[in-house]
C-alpha atoms as a PDB file:
ATOM      1  CA  UNK A   1     104.692  83.252 100.675  1.00  0.00           C
ATOM      2  CA  UNK A   2     106.727  85.328  98.602  1.00  0.00           C
ATOM      3  CA  UNK A   3     108.785  88.935  99.710  1.00  0.00           C
ATOM      4  CA  UNK A   4     106.318  91.058  98.076  1.00  0.00           C
ATOM      5  CA  UNK A   5     103.379  89.554  99.657  1.00  0.00           C
ATOM      6  CA  UNK A   6     104.272  90.337 103.033  1.00  0.00           C
ATOM      7  CA  UNK A   7     104.870  93.730 102.318  1.00  0.00           C
ATOM      8  CA  UNK A   8     102.107  94.038 100.682  1.00  0.00           C
ATOM      9  CA  UNK A   9     100.338  92.646 104.096  1.00  0.00           C
ATOM     10  CA  UNK A  10     102.233  94.593 105.863  1.00  0.00           C
ATOM     11  CA  UNK A  11     101.084  97.591 103.803  1.00  0.00           C
ATOM     12  CA  UNK A  12      97.618  97.443 103.939  1.00  0.00           C
ATOM     13  CA  UNK A  13      98.297  96.796 108.256  1.00  0.00           C
ATOM     14  CA  UNK A  14      99.893 100.575 108.302  1.00  0.00           C
ATOM     15  CA  UNK A  15      96.790 101.807 106.749  1.00  0.00           C
ATOM     16  CA  UNK A  16      94.316  99.523 108.071  1.00  0.00           C
ATOM     17  CA  UNK A  17      96.216 100.646 112.110  1.00  0.00           C
ATOM     18  CA  UNK A  18      95.827 104.738 111.605  1.00  0.00           C
ATOM     19  CA  UNK A  19      91.695 103.595 109.234  1.00  0.00           C
ATOM     20  CA  UNK A  20      91.611 102.551 113.036  1.00  0.00           C
ATOM     21  CA  UNK A  21      92.724 104.879 115.448  1.00  0.00           C
ATOM     22  CA  UNK A  22      91.201 107.817 113.289  1.00  0.00           C
ATOM     23  CA  UNK A  23      87.795 106.330 114.035  1.00  0.00           C
ATOM     24  CA  UNK A  24      88.493 105.970 117.201  1.00  0.00           C
ATOM     25  CA  UNK A  25      89.093 109.870 117.782  1.00  0.00           C
ATOM     26  CA  UNK A  26      86.505 110.900 115.928  1.00  0.00           C
ATOM     27  CA  UNK A  27      83.890 108.893 118.007  1.00  0.00           C
ATOM     28  CA  UNK A  28      85.655 110.383 121.226  1.00  0.00           C
ATOM     29  CA  UNK A  29      85.013 113.414 119.423  1.00  0.00           C
ATOM     30  CA  UNK A  30      81.520 112.487 118.548  1.00  0.00           C
ATOM     31  CA  UNK A  31      80.459 110.876 121.690  1.00  0.00           C
ATOM     32  CA  UNK A  32      82.074 114.265 123.623  1.00  0.00           C
ATOM     33  CA  UNK A  33      79.416 116.903 121.713  1.00  0.00           C
ATOM     34  CA  UNK A  34      76.001 117.705 123.944  1.00  0.00           C
ATOM     35  CA  UNK A  35      73.876 116.019 120.816  1.00  0.00           C
ATOM     36  CA  UNK A  36      75.025 113.065 119.678  1.00  0.00           C
ATOM     37  CA  UNK A  37      73.940 111.197 116.132  1.00  0.00           C
ATOM     38  CA  UNK A  38      73.248 107.737 117.732  1.00  0.00           C
ATOM     39  CA  UNK A  39      73.519 106.321 114.237  1.00  0.00           C
ATOM     40  CA  UNK A  40      76.937 108.135 113.030  1.00  0.00           C
ATOM     41  CA  UNK A  41      77.593 107.205 115.963  1.00  0.00           C
ATOM     42  CA  UNK A  42      77.238 103.558 115.678  1.00  0.00           C
ATOM     43  CA  UNK A  43      78.368 103.152 112.343  1.00  0.00           C
ATOM     44  CA  UNK A  44      81.445 104.338 113.187  1.00  0.00           C
ATOM     45  CA  UNK A  45      81.519 101.574 115.991  1.00  0.00           C
ATOM     46  CA  UNK A  46      80.689  99.170 113.515  1.00  0.00           C
ATOM     47  CA  UNK A  47      83.741 100.341 110.619  1.00  0.00           C
ATOM     48  CA  UNK A  48      86.124 100.576 113.663  1.00  0.00           C
ATOM     49  CA  UNK A  49      85.787  96.976 114.880  1.00  0.00           C
ATOM     50  CA  UNK A  50      84.967  95.889 110.934  1.00  0.00           C
ATOM     51  CA  UNK A  51      88.522  97.248 110.530  1.00  0.00           C
ATOM     52  CA  UNK A  52      89.585  95.268 113.474  1.00  0.00           C
ATOM     53  CA  UNK A  53      88.371  92.415 111.695  1.00  0.00           C
ATOM     54  CA  UNK A  54      90.529  92.702 108.836  1.00  0.00           C
ATOM     55  CA  UNK A  55      93.543  93.508 111.100  1.00  0.00           C
ATOM     56  CA  UNK A  56      93.643  90.225 113.246  1.00  0.00           C
ATOM     57  CA  UNK A  57      93.204  88.648 110.407  1.00  0.00           C
ATOM     58  CA  UNK A  58      96.282  90.359 108.554  1.00  0.00           C
ATOM     59  CA  UNK A  59      97.795  89.520 111.027  1.00  0.00           C
ATOM     60  CA  UNK A  60      97.211  86.140 111.500  1.00  0.00           C
ATOM     61  CA  UNK A  61      99.065  86.050 107.520  1.00  0.00           C
ATOM     62  CA  UNK A  62     102.485  86.858 108.710  1.00  0.00           C
ATOM     63  CA  UNK A  63     102.580  83.832 111.253  1.00  0.00           C
ATOM     64  CA  UNK A  64     104.535  81.287 110.025  1.00  0.00           C
ATOM     65  CA  UNK A  65     102.999  78.104 109.567  1.00  0.00           C
ATOM     66  CA  UNK A  66     104.116  75.275 112.299  1.00  0.00           C
ATOM     67  CA  UNK A  67     103.147  73.084 110.265  1.00  0.00           C
ATOM     68  CA  UNK A  68     105.256  73.968 107.494  1.00  0.00           C
END
């Protein structure tokens, strides 16, 4: 993998981690409310899980191939 590919993956990981953290905070604020929009809460949680999976896939790309 080329250095610019690695840097692009690291940059994307940073963006995804920020979005994941922001979603976590939004979910916490939404859940604190008296009237909770369960549909919106569910959508935010699904998005957060999707981002977590994307982060895991990108992190695995940065691990050197042991067969090389």
